[in-house]
Amino acid sequence: MQPQRAGRTIARHPALSKSDFYDVLRRSEEPFIIENAVQTWPAWDKWSFPWFRRVHGDIVLPVEWLRYIRQTGSTAGRIGRVENKSFGGFIDSLFDGTPGDKGYVIGADLLRKIPNLLDDTRFPHYHQIDQLVERLAFIGGRGTYTQLHYDRAHNIHAVFAGRKRWQLYNPASKRRLSPVKLGFVWSVASDHDLVPVGGKIEDVAGDPEAVLGGVAPDYDLDLVAGEMLFVPYGWWHRVLTVEPSIAVNYWWWPLAMVARRAPFLLPQLVASRVKDSLRQPLRRGYYTK
């Protein structure tokens, strides 16, 4: 467990039953860390950089160098590049001692290429409908950065190797953080953390000490191997990989949330699923954590 840097001390809980989890959430819709859970999963004894290099090093995956950029109008776009690389070569690059951004393996690609990896995880069953669940992998090197945004879903982020710095901002900060729509339904970015119009990807360096929009994070913490972070719907966050890390998340939409936001959310969910299925032969995974 790493020390809290600033803001409030985040709550910690053991793995909770479904009823206990929602009791905690009803009392306080705040993030918390789940302890002593992933250590019981098959992934805990397998998922390491040497294991992935040895067992799955030959598979080819998209590695991305992407950032959100400010556009004219009310949405943000993306700039950068995506390259297909062998998983083993990508892992080697994270530890070769050379400076620079080594890219990010992110999204559903890894889990689709090796579907039995899903059997190695044992996320608590907090969802009601399987179709309202998404799982994504996140593997990156030191300095990998995710711009400030919030997700339109509940999220549990489990770390198996390395360390990631999370800065979390209350939904009440929304106006000051200047939300900007992204090109898909799941997330909303902060205008304060976008590459400027006409800028370069390097123009967002991922300085965790920068105070965006004059708002200090409510929580500023390191999430280390063996811990899971629960981030409720609407909580802003930016993430910096401090040590090369392996993580996977569990993203779900509770029925009550879907019902409350159905007029807005459901048409976009359906459209996104259809569009995603049409992209099956292409690269998958559109998220950054």
Protein backbone atom coordinates (compact mmCIF):
# COMPACT_ATOMS: atom_id res chain seq x y z
CA MET A 1 0.00 0.00 0.00
CA GLN A 2 1.36 3.41 -0.97
CA PRO A 3 0.90 6.60 1.09
CA GLN A 4 -1.87 9.05 0.25
CA ARG A 5 -0.39 12.17 -1.36
CA ALA A 6 -3.04 14.82 -0.88
CA GLY A 7 -6.71 15.40 -0.29
CA ARG A 8 -8.82 13.00 1.70
CA THR A 9 -7.74 9.51 2.69
CA ILE A 10 -9.61 7.02 0.55
CA ALA A 11 -11.70 4.33 2.23
CA ARG A 12 -10.62 0.69 2.03
CA HIS A 13 -12.85 -2.37 2.10
CA PRO A 14 -12.41 -6.10 1.69
CA ALA A 15 -14.21 -7.83 -1.18
CA LEU A 16 -17.88 -7.06 -0.57
CA SER A 17 -20.97 -9.08 -1.35
CA LYS A 18 -23.35 -7.49 -3.84
CA SER A 19 -25.75 -6.31 -1.13
CA ASP A 20 -22.92 -4.95 1.04
CA PHE A 21 -21.37 -3.18 -1.94
CA TYR A 22 -24.59 -1.32 -2.74
CA ASP A 23 -25.10 -0.53 0.95
CA VAL A 24 -21.69 1.15 0.99
CA LEU A 25 -22.48 2.97 -2.26
CA ARG A 26 -25.82 4.24 -0.93
CA ARG A 27 -24.15 5.65 2.17
CA SER A 28 -21.42 7.42 0.23
CA GLU A 29 -21.10 7.59 -3.54
CA GLU A 30 -17.33 7.92 -3.26
CA PRO A 31 -14.41 5.92 -4.65
CA PHE A 32 -12.81 3.27 -2.47
CA ILE A 33 -10.12 0.61 -2.67
CA ILE A 34 -10.95 -3.10 -2.46
CA GLU A 35 -8.22 -5.07 -0.71
CA ASN A 36 -7.28 -8.76 -0.55
CA ALA A 37 -9.45 -9.76 -3.50
CA VAL A 38 -7.30 -10.21 -6.61
CA GLN A 39 -4.92 -12.43 -4.63
CA THR A 40 -7.53 -15.21 -4.86
CA TRP A 41 -7.84 -14.97 -8.67
CA PRO A 42 -5.97 -17.28 -11.09
CA ALA A 43 -4.54 -14.13 -12.71
CA TRP A 44 -2.62 -13.25 -9.56
CA ASP A 45 -0.32 -16.26 -9.97
CA LYS A 46 0.02 -15.83 -13.73
CA TRP A 47 -0.19 -12.30 -14.97
CA SER A 48 3.28 -10.81 -15.00
CA PHE A 49 5.44 -9.34 -17.73
CA PRO A 50 7.68 -12.44 -17.93
CA TRP A 51 4.61 -14.72 -18.12
CA PHE A 52 2.95 -12.73 -20.90
CA ARG A 53 6.29 -12.53 -22.72
CA ARG A 54 6.84 -16.28 -22.50
CA VAL A 55 3.30 -17.57 -23.12
CA HIS A 56 1.76 -14.93 -25.39
CA GLY A 57 4.73 -12.99 -26.77
CA ASP A 58 4.02 -13.94 -30.40
CA ILE A 59 0.54 -12.46 -30.69
CA VAL A 60 0.23 -9.15 -32.53
CA LEU A 61 -1.65 -6.30 -30.87
CA PRO A 62 -2.31 -2.64 -31.65
CA VAL A 63 -0.10 -0.35 -29.57
CA GLU A 64 -1.32 3.22 -29.42
CA TRP A 65 0.19 6.65 -28.96
CA LEU A 66 -2.96 8.77 -28.82
CA ARG A 67 -4.21 11.91 -27.10
CA TYR A 68 -7.47 13.83 -27.11
CA ILE A 69 -7.26 17.14 -28.95
CA ARG A 70 -9.49 20.21 -28.74
CA GLN A 71 -11.64 20.69 -31.82
CA THR A 72 -13.89 23.46 -32.98
CA GLY A 73 -17.42 22.83 -31.77
CA SER A 74 -18.42 20.80 -28.73
CA THR A 75 -16.41 17.59 -29.14
CA ALA A 76 -12.83 16.41 -28.79
CA GLY A 77 -11.00 14.27 -31.34
CA ARG A 78 -7.85 12.17 -31.22
CA ILE A 79 -4.36 12.57 -32.64
CA GLY A 80 -1.40 10.23 -32.66
CA ARG A 81 -0.75 6.82 -34.15
CA VAL A 82 -1.50 3.12 -33.69
CA GLU A 83 1.01 0.41 -34.66
CA ASN A 84 0.64 -3.37 -34.73
CA LYS A 85 3.46 -4.94 -32.72
CA SER A 86 4.24 -8.32 -31.24
CA PHE A 87 3.24 -8.45 -27.60
CA GLY A 88 6.70 -9.73 -26.67
CA GLY A 89 8.42 -6.90 -28.52
CA PHE A 90 6.18 -4.36 -26.81
CA ILE A 91 6.98 -5.81 -23.37
CA ASP A 92 10.69 -5.79 -24.13
CA SER A 93 10.48 -2.11 -25.05
CA LEU A 94 9.06 -1.24 -21.61
CA PHE A 95 12.24 -2.45 -19.93
CA ASP A 96 14.97 -1.68 -22.49
CA GLY A 97 16.20 1.37 -20.60
CA THR A 98 15.70 3.83 -23.45
CA PRO A 99 13.76 7.05 -22.84
CA GLY A 100 10.50 7.95 -24.53
CA ASP A 101 6.86 6.94 -24.69
CA LYS A 102 6.65 3.21 -25.43
CA GLY A 103 2.92 3.26 -26.22
CA TYR A 104 -0.06 1.58 -24.60
CA VAL A 105 -1.79 -1.78 -25.09
CA ILE A 106 -5.30 -0.83 -24.12
CA GLY A 107 -8.87 -1.91 -24.66
CA ALA A 108 -10.49 -5.22 -25.54
CA ASP A 109 -7.92 -6.38 -28.11
CA LEU A 110 -5.85 -8.52 -25.74
CA LEU A 111 -8.92 -10.14 -24.18
CA ARG A 112 -10.37 -10.94 -27.61
CA LYS A 113 -7.09 -12.38 -28.89
CA ILE A 114 -6.72 -14.54 -25.76
CA PRO A 115 -10.30 -15.00 -24.50
CA ASN A 116 -9.36 -17.46 -21.78
CA LEU A 117 -7.70 -14.56 -19.96
CA LEU A 118 -11.22 -13.59 -18.89
CA ASP A 119 -11.40 -16.84 -16.93
CA ASP A 120 -8.39 -15.69 -14.88
CA THR A 121 -10.37 -12.81 -13.37
CA ARG A 122 -12.97 -13.10 -10.65
CA PHE A 123 -14.56 -9.67 -10.46
CA PRO A 124 -17.47 -9.51 -8.00
CA HIS A 125 -20.83 -9.91 -9.70
CA TYR A 126 -22.16 -6.39 -9.10
CA HIS A 127 -23.96 -6.11 -12.44
CA GLN A 128 -27.46 -7.31 -13.32
CA ILE A 129 -27.18 -8.00 -17.06
CA ASP A 130 -24.11 -9.40 -18.82
CA GLN A 131 -24.75 -7.24 -21.88
CA LEU A 132 -24.22 -4.14 -19.70
CA VAL A 133 -20.65 -5.11 -18.80
CA GLU A 134 -17.34 -4.27 -20.48
CA ARG A 135 -13.85 -5.53 -19.58
CA LEU A 136 -10.69 -3.91 -20.87
CA ALA A 137 -6.96 -4.53 -20.44
CA PHE A 138 -4.41 -1.78 -19.71
CA ILE A 139 -0.70 -2.49 -20.14
CA GLY A 140 1.76 0.38 -20.30
CA GLY A 141 5.18 1.64 -19.31
CA ARG A 142 6.40 4.33 -17.00
CA GLY A 143 4.97 7.72 -17.99
CA THR A 144 1.85 6.43 -19.77
CA TYR A 145 -0.78 9.08 -19.13
CA THR A 146 -4.54 9.32 -19.38
CA GLN A 147 -6.06 12.77 -19.72
CA LEU A 148 -8.65 14.01 -17.27
CA HIS A 149 -12.12 12.59 -17.97
CA TYR A 150 -15.06 10.82 -16.40
CA ASP A 151 -16.81 7.62 -17.45
CA ARG A 152 -20.55 7.06 -17.84
CA ALA A 153 -20.36 3.78 -15.94
CA HIS A 154 -19.24 2.28 -12.66
CA ASN A 155 -15.66 1.04 -12.88
CA ILE A 156 -13.42 -1.30 -10.88
CA HIS A 157 -9.77 -1.15 -11.92
CA ALA A 158 -7.59 -4.09 -10.77
CA VAL A 159 -3.78 -3.93 -10.87
CA PHE A 160 -1.63 -7.07 -11.16
CA ALA A 161 1.80 -5.53 -11.69
CA GLY A 162 3.33 -2.09 -11.24
CA ARG A 163 1.94 1.14 -9.83
CA LYS A 164 -0.42 3.82 -11.16
CA ARG A 165 -1.13 7.28 -9.78
CA TRP A 166 -4.83 8.15 -9.74
CA GLN A 167 -6.19 11.63 -9.16
CA LEU A 168 -9.94 11.67 -8.54
CA TYR A 169 -12.31 14.65 -8.67
CA ASN A 170 -15.87 14.85 -7.35
CA PRO A 171 -18.69 15.17 -9.92
CA ALA A 172 -19.50 18.50 -8.25
CA SER A 173 -16.36 19.88 -9.95
CA LYS A 174 -17.88 19.26 -13.38
CA ARG A 175 -18.50 22.89 -14.37
CA ARG A 176 -15.02 24.06 -13.33
CA LEU A 177 -13.38 21.18 -15.20
CA SER A 178 -15.09 22.23 -18.47
CA PRO A 179 -16.52 18.98 -19.88
CA VAL A 180 -16.09 18.27 -23.58
CA LYS A 181 -17.83 15.39 -25.35
CA LEU A 182 -15.71 12.71 -26.93
CA GLY A 183 -16.53 10.89 -30.13
CA PHE A 184 -18.16 7.97 -28.29
CA VAL A 185 -20.74 7.63 -25.56
CA TRP A 186 -18.68 6.26 -22.69
CA SER A 187 -16.53 9.17 -21.52
CA VAL A 188 -16.39 12.96 -21.20
CA ALA A 189 -13.04 14.80 -21.20
CA SER A 190 -11.91 18.00 -19.49
CA ASP A 191 -11.13 20.88 -21.81
CA HIS A 192 -8.27 21.84 -19.46
CA ASP A 193 -6.37 18.65 -20.32
CA LEU A 194 -6.71 18.53 -24.11
CA VAL A 195 -4.02 19.02 -26.73
CA PRO A 196 -4.67 22.53 -28.10
CA VAL A 197 -6.01 23.00 -31.61
CA GLY A 198 -3.11 22.66 -34.04
CA GLY A 199 -0.90 21.25 -31.30
CA LYS A 200 1.16 18.08 -31.05
CA ILE A 201 0.63 14.99 -28.94
CA GLU A 202 3.59 16.05 -26.76
CA ASP A 203 1.66 19.19 -25.76
CA VAL A 204 -0.07 17.11 -23.07
CA ALA A 205 2.85 15.91 -20.99
CA GLY A 206 0.89 14.38 -18.13
CA ASP A 207 2.22 16.55 -15.30
CA PRO A 208 0.40 15.22 -12.22
CA GLU A 209 1.27 18.37 -10.30
CA ALA A 210 -0.59 20.63 -12.75
CA VAL A 211 -3.78 22.02 -11.19
CA LEU A 212 -6.37 21.76 -13.94
CA GLY A 213 -9.13 24.34 -13.92
CA GLY A 214 -7.97 25.50 -10.51
CA VAL A 215 -9.41 22.30 -8.99
CA ALA A 216 -7.34 20.15 -6.64
CA PRO A 217 -8.16 16.42 -6.67
CA ASP A 218 -10.30 15.05 -3.86
CA TYR A 219 -8.06 11.98 -3.83
CA ASP A 220 -4.46 11.62 -5.02
CA LEU A 221 -3.13 8.11 -4.52
CA ASP A 222 -0.99 5.30 -5.86
CA LEU A 223 -2.79 2.09 -6.80
CA VAL A 224 -0.42 -0.86 -6.54
CA ALA A 225 -0.43 -4.51 -7.54
CA GLY A 226 -3.01 -6.47 -5.57
CA GLU A 227 -5.44 -3.56 -5.16
CA MET A 228 -8.68 -2.68 -6.94
CA LEU A 229 -10.06 0.84 -7.19
CA PHE A 230 -13.79 1.45 -7.47
CA VAL A 231 -14.62 4.66 -9.36
CA PRO A 232 -18.34 5.53 -9.34
CA TYR A 233 -20.16 6.90 -12.36
CA GLY A 234 -19.30 10.54 -12.94
CA TRP A 235 -16.09 10.81 -10.91
CA TRP A 236 -13.37 12.62 -12.89
CA HIS A 237 -9.94 11.01 -12.99
CA ARG A 238 -6.54 11.23 -14.61
CA VAL A 239 -4.00 8.43 -14.41
CA LEU A 240 -0.21 8.32 -14.65
CA THR A 241 1.67 5.01 -14.82
CA VAL A 242 4.52 5.29 -12.32
CA GLU A 243 5.93 1.80 -12.93
CA PRO A 244 5.21 -0.54 -15.88
CA SER A 245 1.80 -1.95 -15.07
CA ILE A 246 -0.71 -4.64 -15.97
CA ALA A 247 -4.33 -3.96 -15.14
CA VAL A 248 -7.85 -4.91 -16.17
CA ASN A 249 -11.15 -3.24 -15.45
CA TYR A 250 -14.76 -4.20 -14.95
CA TRP A 251 -17.14 -1.55 -16.26
CA TRP A 252 -20.88 -1.92 -15.74
CA TRP A 253 -24.17 -0.05 -15.98
CA PRO A 254 -26.64 -0.84 -13.15
CA LEU A 255 -30.25 -1.15 -14.26
CA ALA A 256 -31.31 1.79 -12.09
CA MET A 257 -28.72 3.97 -13.80
CA VAL A 258 -29.78 2.83 -17.27
CA ALA A 259 -33.44 3.45 -16.46
CA ARG A 260 -32.73 6.92 -15.09
CA ARG A 261 -30.73 7.91 -18.16
CA ALA A 262 -32.48 5.71 -20.72
CA PRO A 263 -33.75 8.49 -23.03
CA PHE A 264 -30.19 9.70 -23.49
CA LEU A 265 -28.03 6.63 -22.94
CA LEU A 266 -29.79 3.66 -24.54
CA PRO A 267 -29.86 4.93 -28.15
CA GLN A 268 -26.14 5.71 -27.89
CA LEU A 269 -25.37 2.35 -26.29
CA VAL A 270 -27.17 0.51 -29.11
CA ALA A 271 -25.51 2.62 -31.79
CA SER A 272 -22.10 2.10 -30.22
CA ARG A 273 -22.58 -1.70 -30.03
CA VAL A 274 -23.61 -1.82 -33.71
CA LYS A 275 -20.68 0.35 -34.76
CA ASP A 276 -18.32 -1.76 -32.65
CA SER A 277 -19.50 -4.97 -34.32
CA LEU A 278 -18.88 -3.45 -37.75
CA ARG A 279 -15.31 -2.69 -36.70
CA GLN A 280 -14.61 -6.29 -35.73
CA PRO A 281 -11.92 -6.83 -38.43
CA LEU A 282 -10.21 -3.57 -37.38
CA ARG A 283 -8.51 -2.56 -34.16
CA ARG A 284 -10.73 -2.57 -31.08
CA GLY A 285 -10.61 -0.66 -27.83
CA TYR A 286 -11.26 3.06 -27.68
CA TYR A 287 -10.50 3.91 -24.08
CA THR A 288 -7.57 5.27 -22.12
CA LYS A 289 -6.86 4.45 -18.45
